Amino acid sequence: MTATTERATAPETRGSDARDSEHVDVLVVGAGVSGIGAAHHLRERFPDRSFVLLDAQDNRGGTWWTHRYPGVRSDSDLFTYGYRFKPWRGPSIAAGEEILDYLDEVIEEDDLAGRIRYHHRVTAASWSTEDRRWTVEVTRGDTGEQLRITTDFLWMCQGYYNHAEPYRPRWEGMDRYRGQVVHPQQWPQDLDLTGTRVVVVGSGSTAATLVPAIAQDAEHVTMLQRSPSYFLAMPLVHELAVTLRQLDVPEDWTHEIVRRAYAAQTNELARLSHEAPDELHEFLMESLRPLLPEGFDVDKHFTPRYRPWQQRIAFVPEGDLFTALREGRASIVTDTIDTFTETGIRVGSGEEIPADVVVTATGFDLSAFGDVDFSVDGEPVEFPERVTWRGIMISGIPNMAYVFGYFRHSWTLRADLVSDVVLRLFETMQAKGATMVVPTLRPEDADMQIRPWSDPENFNAGYVLRSQHVLFKQGDREPWTHMLEHAQEAELLPRADLEDGTLVYR
């Protein structure tokens, strides 16, 4: 065992002077899909560098650990949501437990268990140019102990959810409602919905997952939506994967071939959403009509206020949501909430929907880098005043990278690409003998137009628009832009010039 490895796996029990007792080469914040993927690539390319992963939760998986509502599953195919280095062997759409099992395999195969520290919430990170390192303040949730870790490079892989505080709108009359109100992000594990009348408020992927899952036991489930979302029924298993497996094609080949097939399909949907949105809308509407009850008003209940892909298209495996509608176990009401009553919800039309339980599948809020307090050389970092560098680093912040995936494509497609760039950055720093790298605007960028974190014309989901004010910005030119499509970045990021003057090495 090398000295650097000994540092990374040092026991967590510390004495009274332990606040300043530990240093690692790379500190990864988050042990979800992004953090575990970053750790794999780091270990593979830089085996001699010490690193640990810190996670505020009590187990791995991020979203897949905190979201435990009935039927929780991926809304992306697992061939692209899975890592490129780890073949996916199951159905294309997977349950949360199956995804956790997959992550457990990566942790075991890469011997990462000893590198992950749970109950470790990062509260502050301060950079010192003089010391060329970050000092990270950590609260250990299971003991309340305050810890301090220093690191040469900070890799933020905490995702974008505010796990502690979901988005909870307040409606008139909620205080007099006698039933139970539940948010999917904080689902009570002892909640029994057998024989109950349930109203699910929301129209996105979470609602589309919950409704068919709980309709199996509930008396009836009503999906109450203010405005519809786009849906697309997808097979649980890709027929190409079935064919390749029948031919005994090696699993890593099958994984890559089907991964490319799914990526190409999503690329085509993205292309059509820009070039022929009306045609794509009609295609999505026509694909639903045969799956719904006779006489169902498809246009009313499934025509959003936005063009296709301006928000995510929710994939429905085997059309199970539509099966619940056909069988009468579920229904959809498209209307506004006027008020909660003692026994349900009255909508704008005057209709009252009875409900023993109301599930507010109303989404979440974004969190800027886990709400960690950042400072550089004693000055607090105000992220809304800074711009991104290729959606990977932030202007003026040294030795810090972050992972943010795609909205339209699978998150992990980008996580793998980001890891490639970060590790190529490590190689460049090593070759230059540099201990510090800072994304820095060039003189020719002085006239650059500063744009919002997300252009509403491109993507306008509620959780994005609600959070624009706390997030960093982007510019009008490379490399100060982000939120490109995967087809663009698959070509762009591997060739990104790390010595074009936008990264200052010291």
Protein backbone atom coordinates (compact mmCIF):
# COMPACT_ATOMS: atom_id res chain seq x y z
CA MET A 1 0.00 0.00 0.00
CA THR A 2 1.37 3.41 -0.95
CA ALA A 3 1.62 6.33 1.41
CA THR A 4 -1.02 8.24 -0.53
CA THR A 5 -3.47 5.35 -0.25
CA GLU A 6 -2.85 5.16 3.48
CA ARG A 7 -3.85 8.82 3.76
CA ALA A 8 -7.03 8.29 1.78
CA THR A 9 -8.20 5.36 3.89
CA ALA A 10 -7.09 6.62 7.29
CA PRO A 11 -9.48 5.71 10.15
CA GLU A 12 -12.25 8.23 10.77
CA THR A 13 -11.81 8.17 14.55
CA ARG A 14 -9.85 11.28 15.43
CA GLY A 15 -8.51 12.93 18.53
CA SER A 16 -9.12 16.46 19.77
CA ASP A 17 -6.66 17.89 17.22
CA ALA A 18 -8.22 16.03 14.30
CA ARG A 19 -9.76 19.14 12.70
CA ASP A 20 -6.50 19.83 10.88
CA SER A 21 -5.16 16.30 10.68
CA GLU A 22 -6.08 15.15 7.19
CA HIS A 23 -5.13 16.08 3.64
CA VAL A 24 -6.08 14.38 0.36
CA ASP A 25 -5.03 15.13 -3.19
CA VAL A 26 -8.62 15.18 -4.46
CA LEU A 27 -11.80 15.60 -2.45
CA VAL A 28 -14.99 14.39 -4.16
CA VAL A 29 -18.23 15.77 -2.71
CA GLY A 30 -21.10 13.36 -3.31
CA ALA A 31 -21.40 9.58 -3.51
CA GLY A 32 -24.14 9.36 -6.09
CA VAL A 33 -23.87 8.53 -9.77
CA SER A 34 -21.53 11.48 -10.45
CA GLY A 35 -19.20 10.96 -7.49
CA ILE A 36 -18.87 7.22 -7.91
CA GLY A 37 -18.16 7.70 -11.63
CA ALA A 38 -15.55 10.39 -10.89
CA ALA A 39 -13.86 8.08 -8.36
CA HIS A 40 -13.66 5.27 -10.92
CA HIS A 41 -12.01 7.45 -13.53
CA LEU A 42 -9.67 9.04 -10.98
CA ARG A 43 -8.55 5.69 -9.63
CA GLU A 44 -8.04 4.30 -13.12
CA ARG A 45 -6.02 7.24 -14.49
CA PHE A 46 -4.26 8.50 -11.34
CA PRO A 47 -3.93 5.48 -9.03
CA ASP A 48 -1.31 7.18 -6.84
CA ARG A 49 -3.46 10.18 -5.94
CA SER A 50 -5.24 10.08 -2.62
CA PHE A 51 -8.95 10.85 -2.56
CA VAL A 52 -12.09 10.43 -0.50
CA LEU A 53 -15.78 10.88 -1.22
CA LEU A 54 -17.95 12.73 1.30
CA ASP A 55 -21.73 12.39 1.35
CA ALA A 56 -24.25 13.98 3.69
CA GLN A 57 -26.61 11.02 3.38
CA ASP A 58 -26.28 7.77 5.32
CA ASN A 59 -25.73 5.67 2.21
CA ARG A 60 -24.69 5.80 -1.44
CA GLY A 61 -26.76 6.66 -4.46
CA GLY A 62 -27.87 10.26 -4.04
CA THR A 63 -31.32 10.56 -5.58
CA TRP A 64 -31.68 6.79 -5.77
CA TRP A 65 -31.20 6.56 -2.00
CA THR A 66 -33.35 9.51 -0.95
CA HIS A 67 -36.26 8.90 -3.35
CA ARG A 68 -38.21 5.91 -2.08
CA TYR A 69 -41.72 6.52 -3.29
CA PRO A 70 -43.68 3.63 -4.84
CA GLY A 71 -42.48 2.55 -8.26
CA VAL A 72 -39.42 4.85 -8.29
CA ARG A 73 -37.52 4.17 -11.50
CA SER A 74 -35.30 5.79 -14.07
CA ASP A 75 -36.84 8.12 -16.62
CA SER A 76 -33.84 7.52 -18.88
CA ASP A 77 -32.69 4.25 -20.36
CA LEU A 78 -29.99 2.53 -18.30
CA PHE A 79 -27.70 1.91 -21.27
CA THR A 80 -27.02 5.65 -21.41
CA TYR A 81 -27.69 6.32 -17.72
CA GLY A 82 -25.23 3.58 -16.83
CA TYR A 83 -21.53 4.28 -17.10
CA ARG A 84 -19.74 3.67 -20.37
CA PHE A 85 -17.21 1.51 -18.50
CA LYS A 86 -19.76 -0.71 -16.76
CA PRO A 87 -22.15 -2.73 -18.98
CA TRP A 88 -25.81 -2.63 -18.00
CA ARG A 89 -27.31 -6.12 -18.07
CA GLY A 90 -30.90 -5.46 -17.06
CA PRO A 91 -34.00 -3.97 -18.71
CA SER A 92 -33.70 -0.56 -20.31
CA ILE A 93 -35.86 1.12 -17.68
CA ALA A 94 -34.86 0.10 -14.16
CA ALA A 95 -36.26 0.42 -10.65
CA GLY A 96 -34.38 2.43 -8.05
CA GLU A 97 -33.20 -0.72 -6.25
CA GLU A 98 -31.71 -2.11 -9.46
CA ILE A 99 -29.76 1.11 -9.99
CA LEU A 100 -28.45 0.98 -6.41
CA ASP A 101 -27.33 -2.62 -7.01
CA TYR A 102 -25.48 -1.46 -10.12
CA LEU A 103 -23.72 1.28 -8.16
CA ASP A 104 -22.83 -1.25 -5.45
CA GLU A 105 -21.11 -3.37 -8.09
CA VAL A 106 -18.99 -0.40 -9.18
CA ILE A 107 -18.09 0.37 -5.56
CA GLU A 108 -17.06 -3.24 -4.99
CA GLU A 109 -15.17 -3.68 -8.25
CA ASP A 110 -13.21 -0.43 -7.73
CA ASP A 111 -12.73 -1.04 -3.99
CA LEU A 112 -14.31 2.32 -3.17
CA ALA A 113 -16.12 1.43 0.05
CA GLY A 114 -13.16 2.53 2.18
CA ARG A 115 -13.01 5.85 0.34
CA ILE A 116 -16.63 6.86 1.00
CA ARG A 117 -17.62 8.64 4.21
CA TYR A 118 -21.31 8.96 4.90
CA HIS A 119 -22.97 11.45 7.27
CA HIS A 120 -20.31 13.99 6.18
CA ARG A 121 -21.95 17.25 5.16
CA VAL A 122 -19.67 19.87 3.63
CA THR A 123 -20.64 23.29 4.97
CA ALA A 124 -17.82 25.55 3.77
CA ALA A 125 -14.85 25.51 1.41
CA SER A 126 -12.15 28.18 1.41
CA TRP A 127 -9.28 28.44 -1.09
CA SER A 128 -5.86 29.84 -0.20
CA THR A 129 -3.63 30.87 -3.09
CA GLU A 130 -0.69 31.11 -0.71
CA ASP A 131 -1.15 27.50 0.43
CA ARG A 132 -2.44 26.27 -2.93
CA ARG A 133 -5.21 24.25 -1.32
CA TRP A 134 -8.80 24.14 -0.21
CA THR A 135 -9.79 23.92 3.44
CA VAL A 136 -13.14 22.17 3.72
CA GLU A 137 -15.34 22.34 6.80
CA VAL A 138 -17.43 19.24 7.43
CA THR A 139 -20.18 18.39 9.91
CA ARG A 140 -20.46 14.73 10.73
CA GLY A 141 -24.19 14.14 10.98
CA ASP A 142 -24.21 11.00 13.12
CA THR A 143 -22.01 12.53 15.86
CA GLY A 144 -22.18 16.29 15.37
CA GLU A 145 -18.40 16.37 15.17
CA GLN A 146 -16.86 19.28 13.26
CA LEU A 147 -14.08 18.19 10.92
CA ARG A 148 -11.63 19.94 8.64
CA ILE A 149 -10.06 18.40 5.54
CA THR A 150 -7.62 20.05 3.15
CA THR A 151 -7.29 19.14 -0.49
CA ASP A 152 -5.41 20.22 -3.61
CA PHE A 153 -8.47 19.85 -5.84
CA LEU A 154 -12.18 19.95 -5.10
CA TRP A 155 -14.52 17.91 -7.30
CA MET A 156 -18.17 18.78 -6.68
CA CYS A 157 -20.43 15.83 -7.56
CA GLN A 158 -23.33 16.63 -5.25
CA GLY A 159 -26.03 16.73 -7.95
CA TYR A 160 -28.56 19.53 -8.16
CA TYR A 161 -31.45 18.57 -5.84
CA ASN A 162 -32.08 20.27 -2.54
CA HIS A 163 -32.66 16.95 -0.82
CA ALA A 164 -33.69 18.48 2.50
CA GLU A 165 -36.35 20.88 1.22
CA PRO A 166 -38.57 19.83 -1.72
CA TYR A 167 -40.67 22.37 -3.54
CA ARG A 168 -43.97 22.65 -1.65
CA PRO A 169 -46.53 25.14 -3.00
CA ARG A 170 -49.16 26.30 -0.55
CA TRP A 171 -52.81 26.34 -1.59
CA GLU A 172 -55.79 27.92 0.05
CA GLY A 173 -57.55 25.63 2.48
CA MET A 174 -54.69 23.23 3.16
CA ASP A 175 -54.98 23.92 6.91
CA ARG A 176 -58.53 22.58 7.00
CA TYR A 177 -57.91 19.47 4.88
CA ARG A 178 -58.40 16.40 7.11
CA GLY A 179 -56.47 13.95 4.95
CA GLN A 180 -52.74 13.37 4.64
CA VAL A 181 -50.45 15.43 2.40
CA VAL A 182 -47.26 13.69 1.21
CA HIS A 183 -44.35 14.83 -0.95
CA PRO A 184 -42.62 12.04 -2.96
CA GLN A 185 -39.18 13.28 -1.86
CA GLN A 186 -40.13 12.55 1.77
CA TRP A 187 -42.31 9.47 1.36
CA PRO A 188 -43.40 7.77 4.64
CA GLN A 189 -42.34 4.14 4.38
CA ASP A 190 -45.31 3.01 6.49
CA LEU A 191 -47.94 4.72 4.31
CA ASP A 192 -50.65 2.22 3.31
CA LEU A 193 -52.79 3.39 0.39
CA THR A 194 -54.94 0.27 0.14
CA GLY A 195 -58.53 1.22 -0.62
CA THR A 196 -57.86 4.95 -0.45
CA ARG A 197 -58.72 7.76 -2.84
CA VAL A 198 -55.52 9.52 -3.86
CA VAL A 199 -54.93 12.75 -5.74
CA VAL A 200 -51.45 13.17 -7.23
CA VAL A 201 -50.81 16.86 -7.94
CA GLY A 202 -48.32 17.12 -10.80
CA SER A 203 -47.75 16.02 -14.36
CA GLY A 204 -44.07 15.15 -14.70
CA SER A 205 -42.04 11.97 -14.52
CA THR A 206 -42.64 11.51 -10.80
CA ALA A 207 -46.40 11.69 -11.20
CA ALA A 208 -46.26 9.35 -14.20
CA THR A 209 -44.32 6.86 -12.08
CA LEU A 210 -46.45 7.15 -8.96
CA VAL A 211 -49.90 6.92 -10.52
CA PRO A 212 -49.66 3.40 -12.00
CA ALA A 213 -47.69 2.15 -8.97
CA ILE A 214 -50.20 3.22 -6.33
CA ALA A 215 -53.25 2.54 -8.54
CA GLN A 216 -52.61 -1.16 -7.96
CA ASP A 217 -53.79 -0.83 -4.34
CA ALA A 218 -55.73 2.42 -4.08
CA GLU A 219 -59.46 2.64 -4.71
CA HIS A 220 -58.78 5.31 -7.33
CA VAL A 221 -55.98 7.71 -8.26
CA THR A 222 -56.53 11.10 -9.88
CA MET A 223 -53.62 12.88 -11.54
CA LEU A 224 -54.42 16.58 -11.13
CA GLN A 225 -52.34 18.77 -13.42
CA ARG A 226 -52.36 22.51 -13.96
CA SER A 227 -50.76 21.95 -17.36
CA PRO A 228 -49.80 18.72 -19.14
CA SER A 229 -46.39 17.27 -19.93
CA TYR A 230 -45.23 15.39 -22.99
CA PHE A 231 -45.17 11.61 -22.63
CA LEU A 232 -43.80 8.81 -24.76
CA ALA A 233 -44.48 5.12 -24.17
CA MET A 234 -41.29 3.06 -24.33
CA PRO A 235 -40.67 -0.69 -24.24
CA LEU A 236 -39.14 -1.93 -21.01
CA VAL A 237 -36.52 -3.84 -23.01
CA HIS A 238 -34.97 -2.60 -26.26
CA GLU A 239 -35.52 -5.16 -29.01
CA LEU A 240 -31.93 -4.62 -30.18
CA ALA A 241 -30.66 -5.67 -26.74
CA VAL A 242 -32.81 -8.80 -26.92
CA THR A 243 -31.41 -9.68 -30.34
CA LEU A 244 -27.78 -9.11 -29.35
CA ARG A 245 -28.14 -11.19 -26.21
CA GLN A 246 -29.78 -14.01 -28.15
CA LEU A 247 -26.70 -13.99 -30.38
CA ASP A 248 -24.41 -14.23 -27.32
CA VAL A 249 -22.75 -10.93 -28.20
CA PRO A 250 -20.38 -9.92 -25.35
CA GLU A 251 -22.11 -7.73 -22.77
CA ASP A 252 -19.70 -4.82 -23.22
CA TRP A 253 -20.43 -4.83 -26.97
CA THR A 254 -24.18 -5.02 -26.34
CA HIS A 255 -23.93 -2.17 -23.84
CA GLU A 256 -22.08 0.10 -26.28
CA ILE A 257 -24.26 -0.73 -29.29
CA VAL A 258 -27.57 -0.21 -27.46
CA ARG A 259 -26.13 2.86 -25.72
CA ARG A 260 -25.43 4.40 -29.12
CA ALA A 261 -28.88 3.44 -30.37
CA TYR A 262 -30.59 5.18 -27.45
CA ALA A 263 -28.33 8.23 -27.74
CA ALA A 264 -29.12 8.50 -31.44
CA GLN A 265 -32.85 8.27 -30.71
CA THR A 266 -32.66 11.09 -28.16
CA ASN A 267 -30.48 13.15 -30.52
CA GLU A 268 -33.17 12.81 -33.17
CA LEU A 269 -35.91 13.92 -30.77
CA ALA A 270 -33.78 16.92 -29.80
CA ARG A 271 -33.17 17.78 -33.45
CA LEU A 272 -36.85 17.58 -34.32
CA SER A 273 -37.77 19.72 -31.30
CA HIS A 274 -35.74 22.56 -32.81
CA GLU A 275 -36.27 22.02 -36.52
CA ALA A 276 -39.82 20.63 -36.67
CA PRO A 277 -41.55 21.09 -33.29
CA ASP A 278 -45.06 20.91 -34.75
CA GLU A 279 -44.31 17.59 -36.43
CA LEU A 280 -42.81 16.19 -33.24
CA HIS A 281 -45.84 17.36 -31.27
CA GLU A 282 -48.16 15.59 -33.68
CA PHE A 283 -46.07 12.43 -33.52
CA LEU A 284 -46.23 12.40 -29.73
CA MET A 285 -49.99 12.97 -29.71
CA GLU A 286 -50.67 10.25 -32.28
CA SER A 287 -48.48 7.77 -30.42
CA LEU A 288 -50.70 8.15 -27.34
CA ARG A 289 -54.15 7.88 -28.90
CA PRO A 290 -54.22 4.07 -29.30
CA LEU A 291 -53.08 3.64 -25.68
CA LEU A 292 -55.87 5.68 -24.07
CA PRO A 293 -59.57 5.03 -23.37
CA GLU A 294 -62.00 5.59 -26.19
CA GLY A 295 -63.12 9.20 -26.32
CA PHE A 296 -60.23 10.40 -24.14
CA ASP A 297 -59.40 14.06 -24.83
CA VAL A 298 -55.75 13.65 -25.77
CA ASP A 299 -55.27 17.25 -26.84
CA LYS A 300 -56.65 18.66 -23.58
CA HIS A 301 -54.76 16.39 -21.20
CA PHE A 302 -51.49 15.88 -23.08
CA THR A 303 -50.79 19.15 -24.92
CA PRO A 304 -48.33 21.22 -22.85
CA ARG A 305 -47.95 25.01 -22.96
CA TYR A 306 -44.41 24.62 -24.29
CA ARG A 307 -42.86 23.03 -27.36
CA PRO A 308 -41.48 19.47 -27.21
CA TRP A 309 -38.23 19.15 -25.23
CA GLN A 310 -38.50 22.66 -23.76
CA GLN A 311 -39.08 20.48 -20.73
CA ARG A 312 -38.29 16.79 -20.42
CA ILE A 313 -40.37 14.26 -22.30
CA ALA A 314 -41.45 11.74 -19.68
CA PHE A 315 -40.87 8.16 -20.79
CA VAL A 316 -43.55 5.70 -19.67
CA PRO A 317 -42.29 2.08 -19.74
CA GLU A 318 -44.77 -0.24 -21.42
CA GLY A 319 -47.29 2.61 -21.23
CA ASP A 320 -48.26 1.60 -17.67
CA LEU A 321 -49.75 5.03 -16.91
CA PHE A 322 -52.06 4.70 -19.91
CA THR A 323 -53.01 1.16 -18.91
CA ALA A 324 -54.17 2.46 -15.52
CA LEU A 325 -56.27 5.08 -17.33
CA ARG A 326 -57.79 2.52 -19.70
CA GLU A 327 -58.69 0.19 -16.86
CA GLY A 328 -60.36 2.98 -14.90
CA ARG A 329 -58.02 2.71 -11.91
CA ALA A 330 -56.77 6.22 -12.61
CA SER A 331 -58.02 9.41 -14.23
CA ILE A 332 -56.64 12.82 -15.21
CA VAL A 333 -58.05 16.23 -14.37
CA THR A 334 -56.48 19.24 -16.08
CA ASP A 335 -57.42 22.32 -14.11
CA THR A 336 -56.22 24.76 -11.46
CA ILE A 337 -56.60 24.24 -7.72
CA ASP A 338 -59.19 26.61 -6.29
CA THR A 339 -58.96 25.40 -2.70
CA PHE A 340 -58.47 22.36 -0.50
CA THR A 341 -61.65 21.32 1.30
CA GLU A 342 -62.00 19.14 4.38
CA THR A 343 -62.26 16.04 2.21
CA GLY A 344 -60.45 16.82 -1.01
CA ILE A 345 -59.62 19.48 -3.58
CA ARG A 346 -61.98 21.84 -5.41
CA VAL A 347 -60.69 22.84 -8.84
CA GLY A 348 -61.38 25.88 -11.00
CA SER A 349 -64.35 24.30 -12.75
CA GLY A 350 -66.10 23.87 -9.39
CA GLU A 351 -65.64 20.09 -9.32
CA GLU A 352 -64.51 18.66 -5.98
CA ILE A 353 -62.15 15.70 -6.15
CA PRO A 354 -62.40 13.55 -3.00
CA ALA A 355 -59.05 12.53 -1.53
CA ASP A 356 -57.96 10.59 1.52
CA VAL A 357 -54.33 11.33 0.58
CA VAL A 358 -52.88 14.14 -1.55
CA VAL A 359 -49.45 13.57 -3.06
CA THR A 360 -47.76 16.80 -4.08
CA ALA A 361 -45.53 15.67 -6.95
CA THR A 362 -44.67 19.32 -7.47
CA GLY A 363 -40.95 18.94 -8.02
CA PHE A 364 -37.91 20.27 -6.26
CA ASP A 365 -35.62 23.25 -6.03
CA LEU A 366 -32.06 23.41 -7.30
CA SER A 367 -29.16 23.83 -4.95
CA ALA A 368 -26.03 25.72 -5.97
CA PHE A 369 -23.15 23.37 -5.11
CA GLY A 370 -24.96 21.86 -2.15
CA ASP A 371 -25.40 25.29 -0.53
CA VAL A 372 -21.75 25.17 0.54
CA ASP A 373 -20.26 28.56 1.52
CA PHE A 374 -17.34 29.14 -0.84
CA SER A 375 -14.59 31.71 -0.42
CA VAL A 376 -11.39 32.46 -2.33
CA ASP A 377 -8.55 34.14 -0.47
CA GLY A 378 -10.95 35.34 2.19
CA GLU A 379 -13.55 36.77 -0.20
CA PRO A 380 -17.00 35.09 -0.31
CA VAL A 381 -17.91 33.66 -3.71
CA GLU A 382 -21.13 35.03 -5.19
CA PHE A 383 -21.97 32.47 -7.84
CA PRO A 384 -24.58 34.61 -9.69
CA GLU A 385 -21.74 37.03 -10.48
CA ARG A 386 -19.63 34.37 -12.21
CA VAL A 387 -19.81 32.38 -15.42
CA THR A 388 -19.24 28.76 -16.25
CA TRP A 389 -16.29 27.32 -18.15
CA ARG A 390 -17.77 24.61 -20.41
CA GLY A 391 -20.21 23.62 -17.66
CA ILE A 392 -17.27 22.11 -15.73
CA MET A 393 -15.52 24.95 -13.85
CA ILE A 394 -16.42 28.45 -12.62
CA SER A 395 -14.64 31.67 -13.51
CA GLY A 396 -12.25 32.90 -10.83
CA ILE A 397 -12.47 29.73 -8.71
CA PRO A 398 -9.20 27.77 -8.64
CA ASN A 399 -8.82 24.00 -8.62
CA MET A 400 -12.53 23.23 -8.54
CA ALA A 401 -14.61 21.24 -11.03
CA TYR A 402 -18.22 20.14 -10.92
CA VAL A 403 -20.43 17.60 -12.63
CA PHE A 404 -23.76 18.66 -14.06
CA GLY A 405 -25.41 16.30 -16.51
CA TYR A 406 -27.97 16.74 -19.25
CA PHE A 407 -31.63 17.63 -18.95
CA ARG A 408 -32.70 15.89 -22.15
CA HIS A 409 -30.17 13.07 -22.32
CA SER A 410 -29.09 10.77 -19.52
CA TRP A 411 -27.12 12.51 -16.80
CA THR A 412 -24.29 9.99 -16.89
CA LEU A 413 -23.46 10.56 -20.54
CA ARG A 414 -22.10 13.93 -19.52
CA ALA A 415 -20.62 12.75 -16.22
CA ASP A 416 -18.26 10.46 -18.16
CA LEU A 417 -17.30 13.30 -20.55
CA VAL A 418 -16.66 15.71 -17.67
CA SER A 419 -14.40 13.17 -15.96
CA ASP A 420 -12.34 12.93 -19.14
CA VAL A 421 -11.82 16.70 -19.23
CA VAL A 422 -10.96 16.96 -15.52
CA LEU A 423 -8.39 14.19 -15.71
CA ARG A 424 -6.92 15.69 -18.87
CA LEU A 425 -6.67 18.92 -16.87
CA PHE A 426 -4.73 17.03 -14.18
CA GLU A 427 -2.33 15.78 -16.86
CA THR A 428 -1.85 19.30 -18.21
CA MET A 429 -1.15 20.68 -14.75
CA GLN A 430 1.31 17.88 -14.11
CA ALA A 431 3.13 18.51 -17.38
CA LYS A 432 3.38 22.22 -16.61
CA GLY A 433 4.39 21.70 -13.00
CA ALA A 434 1.34 23.80 -12.06
CA THR A 435 -0.30 23.63 -8.65
CA MET A 436 -3.18 25.95 -9.53
CA VAL A 437 -5.53 26.47 -12.46
CA VAL A 438 -8.16 29.22 -12.68
CA PRO A 439 -10.77 29.80 -15.41
CA THR A 440 -10.21 33.44 -16.35
CA LEU A 441 -11.96 35.74 -18.81
CA ARG A 442 -9.60 36.96 -21.53
CA PRO A 443 -9.35 40.58 -22.68
CA GLU A 444 -11.32 39.63 -25.79
CA ASP A 445 -14.14 38.42 -23.52
CA ALA A 446 -14.62 41.88 -21.97
CA ASP A 447 -17.59 42.63 -24.24
CA MET A 448 -19.18 39.21 -23.78
CA GLN A 449 -22.91 39.21 -23.21
CA ILE A 450 -23.77 37.55 -19.90
CA ARG A 451 -26.73 35.22 -20.16
CA PRO A 452 -28.87 33.35 -17.62
CA TRP A 453 -27.82 29.95 -16.31
CA SER A 454 -30.57 28.49 -18.47
CA ASP A 455 -32.17 30.17 -21.47
CA PRO A 456 -35.96 29.79 -21.00
CA GLU A 457 -36.32 29.46 -24.78
CA ASN A 458 -34.15 26.36 -24.54
CA PHE A 459 -35.35 24.79 -21.29
CA ASN A 460 -38.02 26.23 -19.01
CA ALA A 461 -38.92 23.64 -16.38
CA GLY A 462 -40.29 25.19 -13.19
CA TYR A 463 -37.41 24.09 -10.98
CA VAL A 464 -34.98 25.76 -13.41
CA LEU A 465 -36.83 29.07 -13.59
CA ARG A 466 -37.32 29.16 -9.80
CA SER A 467 -33.57 28.81 -9.21
CA GLN A 468 -32.01 31.12 -11.81
CA HIS A 469 -31.26 33.80 -9.20
CA VAL A 470 -28.95 31.57 -7.11
CA LEU A 471 -26.99 30.05 -9.97
CA PHE A 472 -24.00 31.17 -12.00
CA LYS A 473 -24.32 32.55 -15.51
CA GLN A 474 -23.03 31.73 -18.98
CA GLY A 475 -21.61 33.83 -21.80
CA ASP A 476 -22.34 34.12 -25.50
CA ARG A 477 -19.26 32.24 -26.74
CA GLU A 478 -17.14 29.22 -26.03
CA PRO A 479 -15.87 28.15 -23.61
CA TRP A 480 -18.21 30.21 -21.41
CA THR A 481 -21.37 28.33 -22.44
CA HIS A 482 -23.08 25.16 -21.27
CA MET A 483 -26.28 23.11 -21.73
CA LEU A 484 -25.32 21.95 -25.19
CA GLU A 485 -26.76 18.76 -26.61
CA HIS A 486 -24.89 15.50 -26.16
CA ALA A 487 -24.24 15.17 -29.89
CA GLN A 488 -22.36 18.50 -29.76
CA GLU A 489 -20.41 17.80 -26.60
CA ALA A 490 -19.42 14.27 -27.59
CA GLU A 491 -17.40 15.98 -30.33
CA LEU A 492 -16.50 19.20 -28.52
CA LEU A 493 -15.32 18.16 -25.04
CA PRO A 494 -12.75 15.53 -26.04
CA ARG A 495 -11.10 18.16 -28.25
CA ALA A 496 -11.46 21.09 -25.83
CA ASP A 497 -8.30 23.18 -25.85
CA LEU A 498 -6.99 23.42 -22.28
CA GLU A 499 -4.31 25.93 -23.28
CA ASP A 500 -6.38 28.53 -25.14
CA GLY A 501 -5.80 31.21 -22.52
CA THR A 502 -9.10 30.72 -20.68
CA LEU A 503 -7.39 28.53 -18.08
CA VAL A 504 -4.55 30.27 -16.23
CA TYR A 505 -1.96 27.87 -14.78
CA ARG A 506 0.36 28.88 -11.95
